[in-house]
Protein backbone atom coordinates (compact mmCIF):
# COMPACT_ATOMS: atom_id res chain seq x y z
CA UNK A 1 -6.10 13.43 -13.90
CA UNK A 2 -7.79 11.61 -11.10
CA UNK A 3 -9.45 13.57 -8.14
CA UNK A 4 -7.25 11.88 -5.78
CA UNK A 5 -4.19 13.38 -7.77
CA UNK A 6 -5.56 16.52 -7.89
CA UNK A 7 -6.35 16.69 -4.31
CA UNK A 8 -2.95 15.77 -3.30
CA UNK A 9 -1.42 18.58 -5.59
CA UNK A 10 -3.84 20.89 -3.97
CA UNK A 11 -2.69 19.86 -0.68
CA UNK A 12 1.02 20.11 -1.37
CA UNK A 13 0.55 23.58 -2.98
CA UNK A 14 -1.07 24.74 0.15
CA UNK A 15 1.82 23.34 2.32
CA UNK A 16 4.24 24.79 0.07
CA UNK A 17 2.76 28.15 0.36
CA UNK A 18 2.59 28.21 3.99
CA UNK A 19 5.84 26.60 5.02
CA UNK A 20 7.05 29.75 6.38
CA UNK A 21 4.31 30.53 8.24
CA UNK A 22 4.31 29.97 12.30
CA UNK A 23 2.29 27.01 13.51
CA UNK A 24 -1.01 28.10 15.07
CA UNK A 25 -1.25 28.75 18.74
CA UNK A 26 -2.15 25.89 20.87
CA UNK A 27 -1.13 23.14 18.16
CA UNK A 28 0.20 19.95 19.44
CA UNK A 29 2.84 18.16 17.37
CA UNK A 30 2.55 14.62 16.85
CA UNK A 31 3.75 12.04 14.82
CA UNK A 32 0.90 9.24 14.52
CA UNK A 33 1.92 7.93 10.98
CA UNK A 34 5.83 7.52 12.11
CA UNK A 35 6.53 4.76 9.80
CA UNK A 36 9.62 2.18 9.30
CA UNK A 37 11.30 1.58 6.08
CA UNK A 38 11.36 -2.02 5.28
CA UNK A 39 13.52 -3.31 2.14
CA UNK A 40 12.99 -6.44 0.02
CA UNK A 41 14.42 -8.04 -2.92
CA UNK A 42 12.50 -8.51 -6.11
CA UNK A 43 13.80 -10.29 -9.61
CA UNK A 44 14.14 -7.10 -12.33
CA UNK A 45 11.17 -9.13 -14.21
CA UNK A 46 9.03 -8.95 -11.08
CA UNK A 47 10.02 -5.00 -10.45
CA UNK A 48 9.08 -4.33 -14.02
CA UNK A 49 5.98 -5.78 -13.89
CA UNK A 50 5.17 -3.89 -10.62
CA UNK A 51 6.15 -0.63 -11.90
CA UNK A 52 3.96 -1.16 -15.18
CA UNK A 53 0.77 -2.21 -12.72
CA UNK A 54 1.59 0.97 -10.49
CA UNK A 55 1.77 3.16 -13.80
CA UNK A 56 -1.23 1.71 -15.00
CA UNK A 57 -3.11 2.58 -11.62
CA UNK A 58 -1.42 5.86 -11.26
CA UNK A 59 -0.16 4.81 -7.58
CA UNK A 60 3.41 4.98 -6.48
CA UNK A 61 5.19 1.55 -6.76
CA UNK A 62 5.94 1.79 -2.91
CA UNK A 63 1.89 2.50 -2.48
CA UNK A 64 1.18 -0.72 -4.42
CA UNK A 65 3.38 -2.76 -2.75
CA UNK A 66 2.54 -1.58 0.85
CA UNK A 67 -0.91 -1.92 0.17
CA UNK A 68 -0.43 -5.78 -0.96
CA UNK A 69 1.43 -6.24 2.62
CA UNK A 70 -1.34 -4.64 4.39
CA UNK A 71 -3.90 -6.85 2.74
CA UNK A 72 -1.92 -9.77 3.10
CA UNK A 73 -2.00 -9.28 6.88
CA UNK A 74 -5.48 -8.33 7.24
CA UNK A 75 -6.48 -11.28 5.83
CA UNK A 76 -5.23 -13.38 8.22
CA UNK A 77 -5.98 -11.07 11.45
CA UNK A 78 -9.21 -12.69 12.33
CA UNK A 79 -8.33 -16.22 10.81
CA UNK A 80 -9.89 -18.99 12.60
CA UNK A 81 -8.93 -22.61 12.22
CA UNK A 82 -12.14 -22.99 9.92
CA UNK A 83 -11.03 -20.18 7.93
CA UNK A 84 -7.38 -21.63 7.62
CA UNK A 85 -8.67 -24.72 6.41
CA UNK A 86 -10.63 -23.00 3.80
CA UNK A 87 -7.96 -21.30 2.75
CA UNK A 88 -5.50 -24.22 2.03
CA UNK A 89 -8.57 -25.91 0.62
CA UNK A 90 -8.83 -23.27 -1.83
CA UNK A 91 -4.93 -22.99 -2.50
CA UNK A 92 -4.80 -26.91 -2.86
CA UNK A 93 -7.63 -26.49 -5.50
CA UNK A 94 -5.67 -23.63 -7.57
CA UNK A 95 -2.76 -25.71 -7.38
CA UNK A 96 -4.59 -28.92 -9.07
CA UNK A 97 -5.94 -26.52 -11.51
CA UNK A 98 -2.62 -25.18 -12.56
CA UNK A 99 -0.91 -28.48 -12.82
CA UNK A 100 -3.86 -29.75 -14.48
């Protein structure tokens, strides 16, 4: 079992054991990680491939897909005209290789 998986299981066990305990005095309640669910459609074949990869990596499918989405967003965050041209050039080269 991976170290990350063991850590998650340990934290979950601690949370379960203290679920009925009152919050410590002075604790401020926040929801910094508030998220919104986004739905998308993929073919059954693509879903099977995603599930297979997630299983190999021992991560949930949602975490894998979320990572891909965030990586895509981060890749474009600081994009300049020059970096966009370089990216497009690399994409064109990849297309040429695929059709060759």
